[in-house]
Amino acid sequence: MTNLTLSTEVMTGYNCSALYRPSSNESLLCTDSTLTADGTGESLASAEMYLVPIIAGFGIVGNTLAFIVFRHKSIRENSSSLFLAVRSLSDIGFLVTLLIIWTSTVFGLYLSRILLVCKTLIFLSYVFGCLSVWLVVLVTAENYIRICKPALVKIVCKTRNAKLICLLLVISILISYSFPFWTMTDDCTPLHIHYEFVTVMVYIDSVFTLFLPSIVILILMAQIAVSLINSNNRRRRLGKFPIAGKMNIFTKVTQMLLAVTLVFVILNIPSHVVRLRLVIASFLKNSPAIRTSDAIAQSIATMLYYASMAINVIIYLTFGSRFRQALVRIIRGEEFRTNRLCHERERLTRMSMSMQTIPTQCAANNNLLNIETSMKRAHSAEI
């Protein structure tokens, strides 16, 4: 989800502080007068005005670096690296969209009034938000296989399978969230004939980006926790301990994948709770009012949600030893030097092979010359 709302009544959960920015097309039905009386709305707007570009800027740079590292030849053959690389691109897309909305709001550019821009921003925010969530689910599922079903790793966790899954996921999401282009007016309000459909799609989005992924992640995380506890207890009973210098099941790829999932869940729980409360309130009331405490909680939860897409590189650097090694190689330019040495070696090999053919050709020419001389001598003797 994003700050952009489909309408004041349909979208029931994001950025109440936008009410205090007249140039913004964001809106939320905030009827509690205390928001304006004590200046809470203005304070939230001011805080977000500075936090959003910082979070978005850091996230764009960090995710770009993460994508480059995950495509490094030393780790790109790992299927989880592909999932995380695609997630980096998705998070970059979301944060760029967020930064465009922020720029339009703060500087009064009125980008939403340009034909198709408002619809495109809503479409992209939906697509990137949903894609990032399900990529985390895929990372969690792969971690589950590595820890709980190690026999299936070589069969399931293949780069080819990961590419196919990502392709199908992207196509499905693009088709599912194309509705803003044909159900909304140019100012991003639902057409009257499609109003109910847009409302249903908002709730379906809540299911597919909130409830269903959360349930899947919690189930997989519970299975992973049980498996790790049982494995640790079994090792203690048998008196076996990890051999020094060797990476056990918890300290290889699985450690970083587990950290990715845990941090994502922790930073997304507040926004899920706030959004769930507002969704429930929308069913119980026709015009749910937003109290001061709700607005503050919502603003904090939204910033944490944005942060979950921006701090990935910190997680990778902290828990990913192979990620750090690949980054060091890139910084040192080892890959460039390796490629240059390979090209030089190939050139020298070709030169060596060509030099080896010269004596062979000379010997062949000498043999032909000797044969020709012998034939001439024999012919002279006959005469």
Protein backbone atom coordinates (compact mmCIF):
# COMPACT_ATOMS: atom_id res chain seq x y z
CA MET A 1 0.00 0.00 0.00
CA THR A 2 0.98 3.63 -0.37
CA ASN A 3 0.04 7.11 0.72
CA LEU A 4 -1.96 7.67 -2.44
CA THR A 5 -5.58 6.88 -1.73
CA LEU A 6 -8.22 5.80 -4.16
CA SER A 7 -10.80 8.00 -2.48
CA THR A 8 -11.61 9.29 0.98
CA GLU A 9 -14.13 6.57 1.52
CA VAL A 10 -12.58 3.61 -0.25
CA MET A 11 -9.05 3.77 1.08
CA THR A 12 -9.31 3.77 4.84
CA GLY A 13 -5.86 3.69 6.16
CA TYR A 14 -2.99 5.92 5.12
CA ASN A 15 -1.44 9.22 6.01
CA CYS A 16 -3.86 11.43 7.82
CA SER A 17 -1.26 14.20 7.90
CA ALA A 18 -1.72 14.66 4.16
CA LEU A 19 -4.98 16.41 5.01
CA TYR A 20 -2.88 19.43 5.91
CA ARG A 21 -1.22 19.65 2.51
CA PRO A 22 -3.73 21.24 0.11
CA SER A 23 -1.62 20.38 -2.93
CA SER A 24 -1.68 16.69 -2.14
CA ASN A 25 -4.14 14.27 -3.67
CA GLU A 26 -3.80 12.12 -0.59
CA SER A 27 -6.66 12.18 1.84
CA LEU A 28 -8.14 10.46 4.81
CA LEU A 29 -11.37 11.15 6.60
CA CYS A 30 -10.08 12.78 9.78
CA THR A 31 -12.92 14.21 11.79
CA ASP A 32 -11.32 14.56 15.21
CA SER A 33 -10.94 18.28 15.83
CA THR A 34 -8.06 17.69 18.24
CA LEU A 35 -5.83 17.02 15.23
CA THR A 36 -6.07 20.65 14.22
CA ALA A 37 -6.51 22.06 17.71
CA ASP A 38 -3.21 20.81 19.10
CA GLY A 39 -1.28 20.93 15.83
CA THR A 40 -0.82 17.17 15.64
CA GLY A 41 -1.57 17.05 11.95
CA GLU A 42 0.98 19.73 11.14
CA SER A 43 3.58 18.00 13.31
CA LEU A 44 3.01 14.69 11.56
CA ALA A 45 3.22 16.37 8.17
CA SER A 46 6.49 18.07 9.13
CA ALA A 47 8.01 14.85 10.43
CA GLU A 48 7.05 12.95 7.30
CA MET A 49 8.31 15.76 5.09
CA TYR A 50 11.86 15.13 6.36
CA LEU A 51 11.71 11.40 7.06
CA VAL A 52 10.31 10.25 3.70
CA PRO A 53 13.18 11.57 1.51
CA ILE A 54 15.79 10.29 3.97
CA ILE A 55 14.27 6.81 4.05
CA ALA A 56 13.65 6.73 0.30
CA GLY A 57 17.10 8.06 -0.61
CA PHE A 58 18.92 5.65 1.68
CA GLY A 59 16.77 2.76 0.49
CA ILE A 60 17.32 3.47 -3.21
CA VAL A 61 21.10 3.59 -2.77
CA GLY A 62 21.18 0.56 -0.47
CA ASN A 63 18.94 -1.60 -2.64
CA THR A 64 20.91 -0.66 -5.76
CA LEU A 65 24.09 -1.81 -4.03
CA ALA A 66 22.36 -5.00 -2.86
CA PHE A 67 21.16 -5.78 -6.39
CA ILE A 68 24.69 -5.36 -7.78
CA VAL A 69 26.12 -7.67 -5.12
CA PHE A 70 23.45 -10.36 -5.56
CA ARG A 71 24.22 -10.43 -9.29
CA HIS A 72 27.91 -11.01 -8.56
CA LYS A 73 29.08 -14.30 -10.05
CA SER A 74 30.13 -15.68 -6.65
CA ILE A 75 26.55 -15.79 -5.28
CA ARG A 76 24.17 -15.28 -8.22
CA GLU A 77 23.79 -19.02 -8.82
CA ASN A 78 21.94 -19.30 -5.50
CA SER A 79 18.16 -19.17 -5.96
CA SER A 80 17.71 -17.10 -2.80
CA SER A 81 20.09 -14.49 -4.29
CA LEU A 82 17.75 -14.17 -7.26
CA PHE A 83 14.72 -13.64 -4.99
CA LEU A 84 16.59 -10.99 -3.00
CA ALA A 85 17.89 -9.30 -6.16
CA VAL A 86 14.35 -9.03 -7.55
CA ARG A 87 13.16 -7.77 -4.18
CA SER A 88 15.84 -5.08 -4.29
CA LEU A 89 14.49 -3.91 -7.66
CA SER A 90 10.92 -4.00 -6.34
CA ASP A 91 11.84 -1.96 -3.27
CA ILE A 92 13.69 0.54 -5.46
CA GLY A 93 10.55 0.91 -7.58
CA PHE A 94 8.35 1.46 -4.53
CA LEU A 95 10.71 4.01 -2.96
CA VAL A 96 11.11 5.90 -6.25
CA THR A 97 7.30 6.06 -6.53
CA LEU A 98 7.13 7.28 -2.93
CA LEU A 99 9.77 9.93 -3.64
CA ILE A 100 7.83 11.15 -6.69
CA ILE A 101 4.68 11.49 -4.57
CA TRP A 102 6.65 13.32 -1.87
CA THR A 103 8.21 15.68 -4.41
CA SER A 104 4.84 16.47 -5.95
CA THR A 105 3.33 17.10 -2.51
CA VAL A 106 6.09 19.23 -0.98
CA PHE A 107 6.89 21.34 -4.04
CA GLY A 108 3.30 21.62 -5.31
CA LEU A 109 4.01 20.10 -8.71
CA TYR A 110 0.48 18.73 -9.07
CA LEU A 111 1.77 15.67 -10.93
CA SER A 112 -1.50 13.89 -10.24
CA ARG A 113 -3.23 16.30 -12.61
CA ILE A 114 -1.14 15.07 -15.54
CA LEU A 115 -2.95 12.47 -17.64
CA LEU A 116 -2.32 8.89 -16.44
CA VAL A 117 0.30 9.96 -13.87
CA CYS A 118 -1.98 9.51 -10.86
CA LYS A 119 -3.22 6.13 -12.11
CA THR A 120 0.32 5.01 -12.87
CA LEU A 121 1.57 5.96 -9.40
CA ILE A 122 -1.25 4.04 -7.75
CA PHE A 123 -0.65 1.06 -10.04
CA LEU A 124 3.10 1.01 -9.35
CA SER A 125 2.69 1.39 -5.60
CA TYR A 126 0.29 -1.56 -5.55
CA VAL A 127 2.54 -3.70 -7.77
CA PHE A 128 5.81 -3.03 -5.97
CA GLY A 129 4.24 -3.31 -2.52
CA CYS A 130 2.63 -6.66 -3.27
CA LEU A 131 5.71 -7.99 -5.09
CA SER A 132 8.03 -7.17 -2.18
CA VAL A 133 5.75 -8.92 0.30
CA TRP A 134 5.52 -12.14 -1.71
CA LEU A 135 9.25 -12.18 -2.40
CA VAL A 136 9.76 -12.21 1.37
CA VAL A 137 7.31 -15.13 1.51
CA LEU A 138 9.39 -16.94 -1.14
CA VAL A 139 12.60 -16.26 0.80
CA THR A 140 10.94 -17.64 3.94
CA ALA A 141 9.73 -20.70 2.02
CA GLU A 142 13.24 -21.38 0.70
CA ASN A 143 14.64 -21.01 4.20
CA TYR A 144 12.03 -23.51 5.39
CA ILE A 145 13.14 -25.99 2.74
CA ARG A 146 16.82 -25.54 3.62
CA ILE A 147 16.23 -26.10 7.33
CA CYS A 148 13.26 -28.47 7.50
CA LYS A 149 13.52 -30.34 4.17
CA PRO A 150 17.24 -30.39 3.26
CA ALA A 151 16.75 -33.38 0.95
CA LEU A 152 14.68 -31.18 -1.37
CA VAL A 153 17.22 -28.35 -1.65
CA LYS A 154 18.96 -29.68 -4.78
CA ILE A 155 15.59 -30.39 -6.42
CA VAL A 156 13.61 -27.27 -5.52
CA CYS A 157 16.13 -24.51 -4.80
CA LYS A 158 17.38 -24.03 -8.36
CA THR A 159 17.98 -20.73 -10.12
CA ARG A 160 15.87 -21.90 -13.06
CA ASN A 161 12.91 -22.56 -10.77
CA ALA A 162 13.40 -19.20 -9.06
CA LYS A 163 13.36 -17.35 -12.40
CA LEU A 164 10.14 -19.09 -13.45
CA ILE A 165 8.47 -18.35 -10.11
CA CYS A 166 9.48 -14.67 -10.25
CA LEU A 167 8.21 -14.35 -13.82
CA LEU A 168 4.83 -15.89 -12.98
CA LEU A 169 4.56 -13.77 -9.84
CA VAL A 170 5.28 -10.52 -11.70
CA ILE A 171 2.81 -11.33 -14.49
CA SER A 172 0.07 -12.25 -12.00
CA ILE A 173 0.54 -9.06 -9.99
CA LEU A 174 0.64 -6.83 -13.08
CA ILE A 175 -2.65 -8.28 -14.31
CA SER A 176 -4.33 -8.23 -10.90
CA TYR A 177 -3.53 -4.57 -10.18
CA SER A 178 -4.27 -3.11 -13.60
CA PHE A 179 -7.72 -1.98 -12.43
CA PRO A 180 -6.80 1.71 -11.74
CA PHE A 181 -6.43 2.30 -15.48
CA TRP A 182 -10.00 1.34 -16.34
CA THR A 183 -11.98 1.88 -13.13
CA MET A 184 -10.91 5.42 -12.20
CA THR A 185 -11.14 8.94 -13.50
CA ASP A 186 -8.08 11.05 -14.32
CA ASP A 187 -8.07 12.47 -10.77
CA CYS A 188 -8.01 8.92 -9.34
CA THR A 189 -11.55 8.75 -8.03
CA PRO A 190 -13.47 5.57 -8.85
CA LEU A 191 -15.98 5.75 -11.67
CA HIS A 192 -19.51 5.45 -10.34
CA ILE A 193 -20.19 2.19 -12.16
CA HIS A 194 -16.96 0.65 -10.79
CA TYR A 195 -17.15 2.04 -7.25
CA GLU A 196 -18.15 -1.25 -5.65
CA PHE A 197 -15.53 -3.13 -7.65
CA VAL A 198 -12.75 -0.77 -6.50
CA THR A 199 -13.93 -1.16 -2.92
CA VAL A 200 -13.76 -4.94 -3.23
CA MET A 201 -10.29 -4.73 -4.79
CA VAL A 202 -9.03 -2.67 -1.86
CA TYR A 203 -10.13 -5.39 0.54
CA ILE A 204 -8.73 -8.11 -1.72
CA ASP A 205 -5.43 -6.23 -1.65
CA SER A 206 -5.58 -6.33 2.15
CA VAL A 207 -5.99 -10.10 1.98
CA PHE A 208 -3.15 -10.69 -0.48
CA THR A 209 -0.66 -8.22 0.97
CA LEU A 210 -1.54 -8.48 4.66
CA PHE A 211 -3.50 -11.48 5.91
CA LEU A 212 -2.43 -14.30 3.58
CA PRO A 213 1.32 -13.49 3.52
CA SER A 214 1.31 -13.02 7.30
CA ILE A 215 -0.33 -16.40 7.85
CA VAL A 216 2.08 -18.17 5.47
CA ILE A 217 5.14 -16.50 7.02
CA LEU A 218 4.03 -17.25 10.58
CA ILE A 219 3.38 -20.92 9.76
CA LEU A 220 6.75 -21.31 8.03
CA MET A 221 8.58 -19.45 10.81
CA ALA A 222 6.95 -21.67 13.42
CA GLN A 223 8.06 -24.78 11.52
CA ILE A 224 11.59 -23.39 11.21
CA ALA A 225 11.74 -22.61 14.93
CA VAL A 226 10.53 -26.10 15.86
CA SER A 227 13.03 -27.71 13.49
CA LEU A 228 15.94 -25.68 14.87
CA ILE A 229 14.98 -26.48 18.47
CA ASN A 230 14.64 -30.20 17.72
CA SER A 231 17.95 -30.21 15.83
CA ASN A 232 19.70 -28.48 18.72
CA ASN A 233 18.21 -30.89 21.29
CA ARG A 234 19.16 -33.89 19.15
CA ARG A 235 22.72 -32.62 18.86
CA ARG A 236 22.96 -32.18 22.62
CA ARG A 237 21.64 -35.67 23.33
CA LEU A 238 24.17 -37.19 20.95
CA GLY A 239 26.95 -35.04 22.34
CA LYS A 240 27.73 -33.59 18.94
CA PHE A 241 28.83 -30.04 18.49
CA PRO A 242 29.59 -28.05 15.35
CA ILE A 243 33.18 -28.52 14.24
CA ALA A 244 35.21 -25.32 14.48
CA GLY A 245 35.66 -23.65 11.11
CA LYS A 246 32.65 -25.31 9.55
CA MET A 247 29.38 -23.51 8.97
CA ASN A 248 26.37 -25.31 10.41
CA ILE A 249 22.81 -25.17 9.16
CA PHE A 250 22.02 -21.98 11.05
CA THR A 251 25.10 -19.96 10.10
CA LYS A 252 25.13 -20.25 6.32
CA VAL A 253 22.57 -18.85 3.91
CA THR A 254 19.75 -19.63 6.35
CA GLN A 255 20.93 -17.10 8.93
CA MET A 256 20.61 -14.17 6.55
CA LEU A 257 17.29 -15.41 5.15
CA LEU A 258 15.92 -15.79 8.66
CA ALA A 259 17.05 -12.26 9.54
CA VAL A 260 15.38 -10.90 6.40
CA THR A 261 12.07 -12.47 7.39
CA LEU A 262 12.23 -11.48 11.07
CA VAL A 263 13.07 -7.83 10.39
CA PHE A 264 10.37 -7.64 7.73
CA VAL A 265 7.75 -9.06 10.11
CA ILE A 266 8.79 -6.81 13.01
CA LEU A 267 8.71 -3.62 10.94
CA ASN A 268 5.43 -4.53 9.23
CA ILE A 269 3.45 -5.63 12.30
CA PRO A 270 2.54 -2.04 13.35
CA SER A 271 1.21 -1.11 9.90
CA HIS A 272 -0.70 -4.40 9.73
CA VAL A 273 -2.31 -3.75 13.11
CA VAL A 274 -3.28 -0.17 12.21
CA ARG A 275 -4.55 -1.19 8.80
CA LEU A 276 -6.53 -4.11 10.24
CA ARG A 277 -8.14 -1.82 12.78
CA LEU A 278 -9.13 0.68 10.09
CA VAL A 279 -10.47 -2.03 7.79
CA ILE A 280 -12.62 -3.39 10.62
CA ALA A 281 -13.77 0.14 11.48
CA SER A 282 -14.79 0.71 7.87
CA PHE A 283 -17.15 -2.25 8.14
CA LEU A 284 -18.67 -1.02 11.39
CA LYS A 285 -19.02 2.67 10.49
CA ASN A 286 -19.84 4.56 7.34
CA SER A 287 -17.36 7.35 8.15
CA PRO A 288 -14.68 6.14 10.56
CA ALA A 289 -13.15 9.02 12.49
CA ILE A 290 -9.42 9.15 13.08
CA ARG A 291 -8.42 10.20 16.59
CA THR A 292 -5.11 11.86 17.44
CA SER A 293 -3.70 8.61 18.80
CA ASP A 294 -4.78 6.81 15.63
CA ALA A 295 -3.08 9.39 13.43
CA ILE A 296 0.17 9.19 15.39
CA ALA A 297 0.16 5.39 15.40
CA GLN A 298 -0.63 5.35 11.71
CA SER A 299 2.17 7.77 10.87
CA ILE A 300 4.75 5.79 12.88
CA ALA A 301 3.56 2.50 11.38
CA THR A 302 3.80 3.94 7.87
CA MET A 303 7.38 5.14 8.43
CA LEU A 304 8.34 1.70 9.76
CA TYR A 305 6.74 0.13 6.69
CA TYR A 306 8.81 2.36 4.43
CA ALA A 307 11.91 1.55 6.49
CA SER A 308 11.34 -2.18 5.95
CA MET A 309 12.05 -1.57 2.26
CA ALA A 310 15.03 0.70 2.87
CA ILE A 311 17.28 -1.07 5.39
CA ASN A 312 17.73 -4.36 3.56
CA VAL A 313 21.38 -3.71 2.79
CA ILE A 314 22.10 -3.34 6.52
CA ILE A 315 20.59 -6.78 7.14
CA TYR A 316 22.61 -8.32 4.32
CA LEU A 317 25.86 -6.76 5.57
CA THR A 318 25.19 -7.81 9.16
CA PHE A 319 24.11 -11.41 8.63
CA GLY A 320 25.35 -12.35 5.15
CA SER A 321 29.00 -13.44 5.14
CA ARG A 322 28.90 -14.32 1.44
CA PHE A 323 27.26 -10.98 0.72
CA ARG A 324 30.12 -9.18 2.47
CA GLN A 325 32.71 -11.24 0.62
CA ALA A 326 31.11 -10.48 -2.74
CA LEU A 327 30.93 -6.78 -1.87
CA VAL A 328 34.64 -6.74 -0.96
CA ARG A 329 35.48 -8.37 -4.29
CA ILE A 330 33.47 -5.75 -6.14
CA ILE A 331 35.08 -2.87 -4.22
CA ARG A 332 38.57 -4.24 -4.85
CA GLY A 333 37.77 -4.76 -8.49
CA GLU A 334 38.75 -8.41 -8.28
CA GLU A 335 36.12 -9.44 -10.78
CA PHE A 336 37.41 -6.91 -13.31
CA ARG A 337 40.99 -8.02 -12.78
CA THR A 338 39.96 -11.66 -13.00
CA ASN A 339 38.17 -11.07 -16.29
CA ARG A 340 41.16 -9.11 -17.61
CA LEU A 341 43.54 -11.90 -16.59
CA CYS A 342 41.29 -14.48 -18.23
CA HIS A 343 41.24 -12.50 -21.47
CA GLU A 344 45.03 -12.06 -21.31
CA ARG A 345 45.49 -15.76 -20.65
CA GLU A 346 43.27 -16.64 -23.61
CA ARG A 347 45.23 -14.24 -25.83
CA LEU A 348 48.56 -15.76 -24.76
CA THR A 349 47.17 -19.25 -25.30
CA ARG A 350 46.10 -18.38 -28.83
CA MET A 351 49.51 -16.83 -29.51
CA SER A 352 51.26 -19.91 -28.12
CA MET A 353 49.15 -22.20 -30.27
CA SER A 354 49.86 -20.10 -33.35
CA MET A 355 53.60 -20.15 -32.57
CA GLN A 356 53.46 -23.92 -32.23
CA THR A 357 51.95 -24.25 -35.69
CA ILE A 358 54.84 -22.34 -37.33
CA PRO A 359 57.52 -25.06 -36.79
CA THR A 360 55.03 -27.66 -37.90
CA GLN A 361 54.34 -25.78 -41.10
CA CYS A 362 58.09 -25.22 -41.66
CA ALA A 363 58.78 -28.92 -41.15
CA ALA A 364 56.04 -29.80 -43.60
CA ASN A 365 57.47 -27.40 -46.17
CA ASN A 366 60.95 -28.86 -45.67
CA ASN A 367 59.60 -32.36 -46.16
CA LEU A 368 57.93 -31.33 -49.39
CA LEU A 369 61.16 -29.67 -50.54
CA ASN A 370 63.20 -32.79 -49.73
CA ILE A 371 60.75 -35.00 -51.56
CA GLU A 372 60.84 -32.72 -54.59
CA THR A 373 64.69 -32.69 -54.58
CA SER A 374 64.84 -36.48 -54.30
CA MET A 375 62.45 -36.87 -57.20
CA LYS A 376 64.57 -34.53 -59.33
CA ARG A 377 67.73 -36.46 -58.49
CA ALA A 378 66.06 -39.77 -59.32
CA HIS A 379 64.85 -38.37 -62.62
CA SER A 380 68.37 -37.11 -63.46
CA ALA A 381 69.87 -40.52 -62.65
CA GLU A 382 67.45 -42.25 -64.98
CA ILE A 383 68.43 -39.93 -67.79
